[in-house]
């Protein structure tokens, strides 16, 4: 009976805790590389299904606690796939990444980043008027976790504000989130410049 209960607890924990995220395909542009608005619309225009958690009865509290402990142990860092060159097939790409340049230790967007953001805005305008785009801020691992998290959030908001103010995109269509250093590019040094990026995905 004890063996049965422990097996059941493990099975429920596995069901409640999502597996470590599989590295996703991300189209990654390099600094100065021309962004194709059609590619932007293709990647961000995909619809993703949403499963409502309220559709199922809640599990017992002790299993929720066990699941929370397991999740804390397994979800420290989520990998992002190695860079995928733009211009190829974007059929299974989940996001698009730009190396948006900011002033050092700041949320001020540098002029060098504007051409890519302008082309990105043209791609967003090709989407339906009710489409939602999530702007994700990411940093490298230099600095504390808390500092990098706040910096990534501020930079995501700065990009949103640029798209709204310079391109007239409705702010309600742009969600922002910061991940700090928590989602480095797979196989990259955590301190590498490639991790300092802004990603965009459809919602």
C-alpha atoms as a PDB file:
ATOM      1  CA  UNK A   1       0.000   0.000   0.000  1.00  0.00           C
ATOM      2  CA  UNK A   2       2.843   2.410   0.864  1.00  0.00           C
ATOM      3  CA  UNK A   3       4.538   1.610  -2.433  1.00  0.00           C
ATOM      4  CA  UNK A   4       1.265   2.274  -4.253  1.00  0.00           C
ATOM      5  CA  UNK A   5       0.806   5.633  -2.515  1.00  0.00           C
ATOM      6  CA  UNK A   6       4.387   6.756  -3.231  1.00  0.00           C
ATOM      7  CA  UNK A   7       4.014   5.762  -6.890  1.00  0.00           C
ATOM      8  CA  UNK A   8       0.723   7.662  -7.059  1.00  0.00           C
ATOM      9  CA  UNK A   9       2.324  10.733  -5.481  1.00  0.00           C
ATOM     10  CA  UNK A  10       5.172  10.651  -8.022  1.00  0.00           C
ATOM     11  CA  UNK A  11       2.725  10.257 -10.900  1.00  0.00           C
ATOM     12  CA  UNK A  12       0.619  13.189  -9.691  1.00  0.00           C
ATOM     13  CA  UNK A  13       3.719  15.330  -9.204  1.00  0.00           C
ATOM     14  CA  UNK A  14       4.850  14.554 -12.748  1.00  0.00           C
ATOM     15  CA  UNK A  15       1.419  15.491 -14.043  1.00  0.00           C
ATOM     16  CA  UNK A  16       1.326  18.767 -12.131  1.00  0.00           C
ATOM     17  CA  UNK A  17       4.887  19.883 -12.797  1.00  0.00           C
ATOM     18  CA  UNK A  18       5.663  20.653 -16.419  1.00  0.00           C
ATOM     19  CA  UNK A  19       8.804  18.990 -17.724  1.00  0.00           C
ATOM     20  CA  UNK A  20      11.861  21.136 -18.263  1.00  0.00           C
ATOM     21  CA  UNK A  21      11.135  23.312 -21.231  1.00  0.00           C
ATOM     22  CA  UNK A  22      12.385  21.890 -24.466  1.00  0.00           C
ATOM     23  CA  UNK A  23      14.609  24.330 -26.295  1.00  0.00           C
ATOM     24  CA  UNK A  24      12.411  26.212 -28.718  1.00  0.00           C
ATOM     25  CA  UNK A  25      13.270  27.479 -32.167  1.00  0.00           C
ATOM     26  CA  UNK A  26      13.907  31.219 -32.139  1.00  0.00           C
ATOM     27  CA  UNK A  27      14.728  33.262 -35.239  1.00  0.00           C
ATOM     28  CA  UNK A  28      17.667  35.377 -34.059  1.00  0.00           C
ATOM     29  CA  UNK A  29      18.793  38.488 -35.887  1.00  0.00           C
ATOM     30  CA  UNK A  30      22.241  39.960 -35.411  1.00  0.00           C
ATOM     31  CA  UNK A  31      22.992  43.614 -34.964  1.00  0.00           C
ATOM     32  CA  UNK A  32      22.531  45.504 -38.224  1.00  0.00           C
ATOM     33  CA  UNK A  33      20.920  42.549 -39.989  1.00  0.00           C
ATOM     34  CA  UNK A  34      17.897  43.502 -42.058  1.00  0.00           C
ATOM     35  CA  UNK A  35      14.612  42.447 -40.469  1.00  0.00           C
ATOM     36  CA  UNK A  36      11.996  41.259 -42.953  1.00  0.00           C
ATOM     37  CA  UNK A  37       8.495  42.417 -41.899  1.00  0.00           C
ATOM     38  CA  UNK A  38       6.983  39.356 -43.628  1.00  0.00           C
ATOM     39  CA  UNK A  39       9.107  37.070 -41.429  1.00  0.00           C
ATOM     40  CA  UNK A  40       7.966  39.014 -38.376  1.00  0.00           C
ATOM     41  CA  UNK A  41       4.308  38.562 -39.343  1.00  0.00           C
ATOM     42  CA  UNK A  42       4.853  34.855 -40.077  1.00  0.00           C
ATOM     43  CA  UNK A  43       6.435  34.106 -36.696  1.00  0.00           C
ATOM     44  CA  UNK A  44       4.255  36.366 -34.546  1.00  0.00           C
ATOM     45  CA  UNK A  45       1.018  35.622 -36.374  1.00  0.00           C
ATOM     46  CA  UNK A  46       0.761  32.038 -35.220  1.00  0.00           C
ATOM     47  CA  UNK A  47      -2.056  31.307 -32.806  1.00  0.00           C
ATOM     48  CA  UNK A  48      -1.338  29.210 -29.757  1.00  0.00           C
ATOM     49  CA  UNK A  49      -3.907  27.221 -27.873  1.00  0.00           C
ATOM     50  CA  UNK A  50      -4.725  28.117 -24.285  1.00  0.00           C
ATOM     51  CA  UNK A  51      -5.792  25.455 -21.818  1.00  0.00           C
ATOM     52  CA  UNK A  52      -7.828  26.705 -18.894  1.00  0.00           C
ATOM     53  CA  UNK A  53      -6.684  25.155 -15.640  1.00  0.00           C
ATOM     54  CA  UNK A  54     -10.126  25.616 -14.085  1.00  0.00           C
ATOM     55  CA  UNK A  55     -11.455  22.833 -16.318  1.00  0.00           C
ATOM     56  CA  UNK A  56     -10.142  20.172 -13.931  1.00  0.00           C
ATOM     57  CA  UNK A  57     -10.772  19.630 -10.220  1.00  0.00           C
ATOM     58  CA  UNK A  58      -8.010  20.774  -7.902  1.00  0.00           C
ATOM     59  CA  UNK A  59      -5.692  18.031  -6.577  1.00  0.00           C
ATOM     60  CA  UNK A  60      -5.237  17.540  -2.835  1.00  0.00           C
ATOM     61  CA  UNK A  61      -3.120  20.197  -1.104  1.00  0.00           C
ATOM     62  CA  UNK A  62      -0.340  17.764  -0.130  1.00  0.00           C
ATOM     63  CA  UNK A  63       0.234  16.891  -3.794  1.00  0.00           C
ATOM     64  CA  UNK A  64       0.308  20.572  -4.725  1.00  0.00           C
ATOM     65  CA  UNK A  65       3.025  21.118  -2.106  1.00  0.00           C
ATOM     66  CA  UNK A  66       5.067  18.202  -3.469  1.00  0.00           C
ATOM     67  CA  UNK A  67       4.679  19.545  -7.003  1.00  0.00           C
ATOM     68  CA  UNK A  68       5.831  23.013  -5.910  1.00  0.00           C
ATOM     69  CA  UNK A  69       9.002  21.566  -4.364  1.00  0.00           C
ATOM     70  CA  UNK A  70       9.752  19.554  -7.497  1.00  0.00           C
ATOM     71  CA  UNK A  71       9.141  22.589  -9.699  1.00  0.00           C
ATOM     72  CA  UNK A  72      11.505  24.743  -7.650  1.00  0.00           C
ATOM     73  CA  UNK A  73      14.247  22.146  -8.073  1.00  0.00           C
ATOM     74  CA  UNK A  74      13.836  21.741 -11.833  1.00  0.00           C
ATOM     75  CA  UNK A  75      12.921  25.117 -13.304  1.00  0.00           C
ATOM     76  CA  UNK A  76      15.853  27.360 -12.465  1.00  0.00           C
ATOM     77  CA  UNK A  77      16.823  28.048 -16.069  1.00  0.00           C
ATOM     78  CA  UNK A  78      14.922  27.578 -19.293  1.00  0.00           C
ATOM     79  CA  UNK A  79      17.086  27.064 -22.390  1.00  0.00           C
ATOM     80  CA  UNK A  80      16.527  28.844 -25.656  1.00  0.00           C
ATOM     81  CA  UNK A  81      17.667  27.166 -28.830  1.00  0.00           C
ATOM     82  CA  UNK A  82      20.872  28.123 -30.549  1.00  0.00           C
ATOM     83  CA  UNK A  83      20.419  30.979 -33.017  1.00  0.00           C
ATOM     84  CA  UNK A  84      18.453  30.190 -36.155  1.00  0.00           C
ATOM     85  CA  UNK A  85      19.327  32.331 -39.141  1.00  0.00           C
ATOM     86  CA  UNK A  86      16.464  34.456 -40.437  1.00  0.00           C
ATOM     87  CA  UNK A  87      15.240  34.028 -43.976  1.00  0.00           C
ATOM     88  CA  UNK A  88      14.827  30.254 -43.838  1.00  0.00           C
ATOM     89  CA  UNK A  89      11.692  28.335 -42.946  1.00  0.00           C
ATOM     90  CA  UNK A  90       9.959  29.896 -39.968  1.00  0.00           C
ATOM     91  CA  UNK A  91       7.234  27.245 -39.892  1.00  0.00           C
ATOM     92  CA  UNK A  92       8.053  26.004 -36.398  1.00  0.00           C
ATOM     93  CA  UNK A  93       9.686  29.133 -34.939  1.00  0.00           C
ATOM     94  CA  UNK A  94       8.134  30.180 -31.636  1.00  0.00           C
ATOM     95  CA  UNK A  95       9.705  33.623 -31.311  1.00  0.00           C
ATOM     96  CA  UNK A  96      11.852  36.236 -32.973  1.00  0.00           C
ATOM     97  CA  UNK A  97      14.875  37.798 -31.268  1.00  0.00           C
ATOM     98  CA  UNK A  98      16.646  41.134 -31.805  1.00  0.00           C
ATOM     99  CA  UNK A  99      19.896  42.353 -30.207  1.00  0.00           C
ATOM    100  CA  UNK A 100      18.374  45.712 -29.263  1.00  0.00           C
ATOM    101  CA  UNK A 101      21.169  48.049 -28.185  1.00  0.00           C
ATOM    102  CA  UNK A 102      20.650  50.104 -25.036  1.00  0.00           C
ATOM    103  CA  UNK A 103      22.878  52.644 -23.346  1.00  0.00           C
ATOM    104  CA  UNK A 104      25.065  51.009 -20.699  1.00  0.00           C
ATOM    105  CA  UNK A 105      23.173  50.195 -17.508  1.00  0.00           C
ATOM    106  CA  UNK A 106      20.099  51.911 -18.954  1.00  0.00           C
ATOM    107  CA  UNK A 107      16.737  51.440 -20.669  1.00  0.00           C
ATOM    108  CA  UNK A 108      17.543  54.097 -23.294  1.00  0.00           C
ATOM    109  CA  UNK A 109      17.399  52.597 -26.792  1.00  0.00           C
ATOM    110  CA  UNK A 110      20.436  53.542 -28.891  1.00  0.00           C
ATOM    111  CA  UNK A 111      19.937  54.899 -32.439  1.00  0.00           C
ATOM    112  CA  UNK A 112      21.658  51.796 -33.892  1.00  0.00           C
ATOM    113  CA  UNK A 113      18.685  49.680 -32.804  1.00  0.00           C
ATOM    114  CA  UNK A 114      16.001  51.767 -34.440  1.00  0.00           C
ATOM    115  CA  UNK A 115      16.178  50.359 -37.997  1.00  0.00           C
ATOM    116  CA  UNK A 116      15.486  46.830 -36.753  1.00  0.00           C
ATOM    117  CA  UNK A 117      12.693  48.002 -34.463  1.00  0.00           C
ATOM    118  CA  UNK A 118      11.160  50.021 -37.307  1.00  0.00           C
ATOM    119  CA  UNK A 119      11.077  46.932 -39.551  1.00  0.00           C
ATOM    120  CA  UNK A 120       9.689  44.871 -36.678  1.00  0.00           C
ATOM    121  CA  UNK A 121       6.898  47.439 -36.267  1.00  0.00           C
ATOM    122  CA  UNK A 122       6.010  47.079 -39.954  1.00  0.00           C
ATOM    123  CA  UNK A 123       5.701  43.328 -39.414  1.00  0.00           C
ATOM    124  CA  UNK A 124       3.438  43.806 -36.400  1.00  0.00           C
ATOM    125  CA  UNK A 125       1.235  46.088 -38.500  1.00  0.00           C
ATOM    126  CA  UNK A 126       0.742  43.194 -40.954  1.00  0.00           C
ATOM    127  CA  UNK A 127      -0.938  41.177 -38.195  1.00  0.00           C
ATOM    128  CA  UNK A 128      -4.636  41.355 -37.452  1.00  0.00           C
ATOM    129  CA  UNK A 129      -5.762  44.368 -35.400  1.00  0.00           C
ATOM    130  CA  UNK A 130      -6.640  42.166 -32.415  1.00  0.00           C
ATOM    131  CA  UNK A 131      -3.374  40.222 -32.338  1.00  0.00           C
ATOM    132  CA  UNK A 132      -1.258  40.426 -29.198  1.00  0.00           C
ATOM    133  CA  UNK A 133       2.550  40.472 -29.165  1.00  0.00           C
ATOM    134  CA  UNK A 134       4.620  39.772 -26.064  1.00  0.00           C
ATOM    135  CA  UNK A 135       7.867  41.748 -25.723  1.00  0.00           C
ATOM    136  CA  UNK A 136      10.391  39.808 -23.625  1.00  0.00           C
ATOM    137  CA  UNK A 137      13.481  41.387 -22.085  1.00  0.00           C
ATOM    138  CA  UNK A 138      16.563  39.206 -21.472  1.00  0.00           C
ATOM    139  CA  UNK A 139      19.981  39.975 -19.977  1.00  0.00           C
ATOM    140  CA  UNK A 140      23.294  38.239 -19.547  1.00  0.00           C
ATOM    141  CA  UNK A 141      24.401  37.001 -16.117  1.00  0.00           C
ATOM    142  CA  UNK A 142      26.583  39.987 -15.205  1.00  0.00           C
ATOM    143  CA  UNK A 143      25.080  41.564 -12.091  1.00  0.00           C
ATOM    144  CA  UNK A 144      22.672  40.228  -9.502  1.00  0.00           C
ATOM    145  CA  UNK A 145      19.558  38.239 -10.366  1.00  0.00           C
ATOM    146  CA  UNK A 146      17.277  40.937  -8.947  1.00  0.00           C
ATOM    147  CA  UNK A 147      19.037  43.737 -10.827  1.00  0.00           C
ATOM    148  CA  UNK A 148      18.966  41.861 -14.134  1.00  0.00           C
ATOM    149  CA  UNK A 149      15.297  41.011 -13.697  1.00  0.00           C
ATOM    150  CA  UNK A 150      14.360  44.661 -13.182  1.00  0.00           C
ATOM    151  CA  UNK A 151      16.614  45.800 -16.049  1.00  0.00           C
ATOM    152  CA  UNK A 152      15.028  43.274 -18.427  1.00  0.00           C
ATOM    153  CA  UNK A 153      11.542  44.447 -17.459  1.00  0.00           C
ATOM    154  CA  UNK A 154      12.475  48.095 -17.997  1.00  0.00           C
ATOM    155  CA  UNK A 155      14.007  47.361 -21.390  1.00  0.00           C
ATOM    156  CA  UNK A 156      10.945  45.419 -22.529  1.00  0.00           C
ATOM    157  CA  UNK A 157       8.776  48.392 -21.530  1.00  0.00           C
ATOM    158  CA  UNK A 158      11.121  50.782 -23.382  1.00  0.00           C
ATOM    159  CA  UNK A 159      10.733  48.753 -26.587  1.00  0.00           C
ATOM    160  CA  UNK A 160       6.952  48.700 -26.159  1.00  0.00           C
ATOM    161  CA  UNK A 161       6.931  52.458 -25.658  1.00  0.00           C
ATOM    162  CA  UNK A 162       9.066  52.958 -28.781  1.00  0.00           C
ATOM    163  CA  UNK A 163       6.656  50.895 -30.892  1.00  0.00           C
ATOM    164  CA  UNK A 164       3.689  52.824 -29.511  1.00  0.00           C
ATOM    165  CA  UNK A 165       5.172  56.330 -29.768  1.00  0.00           C
ATOM    166  CA  UNK A 166       7.001  56.021 -33.099  1.00  0.00           C
ATOM    167  CA  UNK A 167       4.708  53.622 -34.964  1.00  0.00           C
ATOM    168  CA  UNK A 168       1.267  54.125 -33.467  1.00  0.00           C
ATOM    169  CA  UNK A 169       0.841  50.498 -32.415  1.00  0.00           C
ATOM    170  CA  UNK A 170      -1.902  50.186 -29.817  1.00  0.00           C
ATOM    171  CA  UNK A 171      -0.281  49.691 -26.403  1.00  0.00           C
ATOM    172  CA  UNK A 172      -3.026  47.209 -25.497  1.00  0.00           C
ATOM    173  CA  UNK A 173      -1.615  44.865 -28.165  1.00  0.00           C
ATOM    174  CA  UNK A 174       1.857  44.808 -26.606  1.00  0.00           C
ATOM    175  CA  UNK A 175       2.488  42.876 -23.394  1.00  0.00           C
ATOM    176  CA  UNK A 176       5.843  43.091 -21.655  1.00  0.00           C
ATOM    177  CA  UNK A 177       7.732  40.650 -19.475  1.00  0.00           C
ATOM    178  CA  UNK A 178      11.298  40.495 -18.174  1.00  0.00           C
ATOM    179  CA  UNK A 179      13.203  37.258 -17.602  1.00  0.00           C
ATOM    180  CA  UNK A 180      16.523  38.724 -16.500  1.00  0.00           C
ATOM    181  CA  UNK A 181      19.281  36.173 -16.908  1.00  0.00           C
ATOM    182  CA  UNK A 182      16.933  33.197 -16.419  1.00  0.00           C
ATOM    183  CA  UNK A 183      16.636  32.175 -20.090  1.00  0.00           C
ATOM    184  CA  UNK A 184      20.101  32.159 -21.653  1.00  0.00           C
ATOM    185  CA  UNK A 185      20.640  31.040 -25.230  1.00  0.00           C
ATOM    186  CA  UNK A 186      21.473  27.336 -25.267  1.00  0.00           C
ATOM    187  CA  UNK A 187      25.187  26.503 -25.158  1.00  0.00           C
ATOM    188  CA  UNK A 188      26.129  30.178 -24.782  1.00  0.00           C
ATOM    189  CA  UNK A 189      28.276  31.515 -21.974  1.00  0.00           C
ATOM    190  CA  UNK A 190      25.802  33.051 -19.467  1.00  0.00           C
ATOM    191  CA  UNK A 191      27.781  36.310 -19.713  1.00  0.00           C
ATOM    192  CA  UNK A 192      27.802  36.339 -23.529  1.00  0.00           C
ATOM    193  CA  UNK A 193      26.368  39.283 -25.428  1.00  0.00           C
ATOM    194  CA  UNK A 194      23.968  36.993 -27.324  1.00  0.00           C
ATOM    195  CA  UNK A 195      21.933  36.696 -24.124  1.00  0.00           C
ATOM    196  CA  UNK A 196      21.297  40.462 -24.088  1.00  0.00           C
ATOM    197  CA  UNK A 197      18.293  40.488 -26.360  1.00  0.00           C
ATOM    198  CA  UNK A 198      14.634  41.351 -26.765  1.00  0.00           C
ATOM    199  CA  UNK A 199      12.352  38.582 -28.007  1.00  0.00           C
ATOM    200  CA  UNK A 200       8.920  38.860 -29.509  1.00  0.00           C
ATOM    201  CA  UNK A 201       6.215  36.227 -29.686  1.00  0.00           C
ATOM    202  CA  UNK A 202       2.586  36.076 -30.671  1.00  0.00           C
ATOM    203  CA  UNK A 203      -0.011  35.344 -28.032  1.00  0.00           C
END
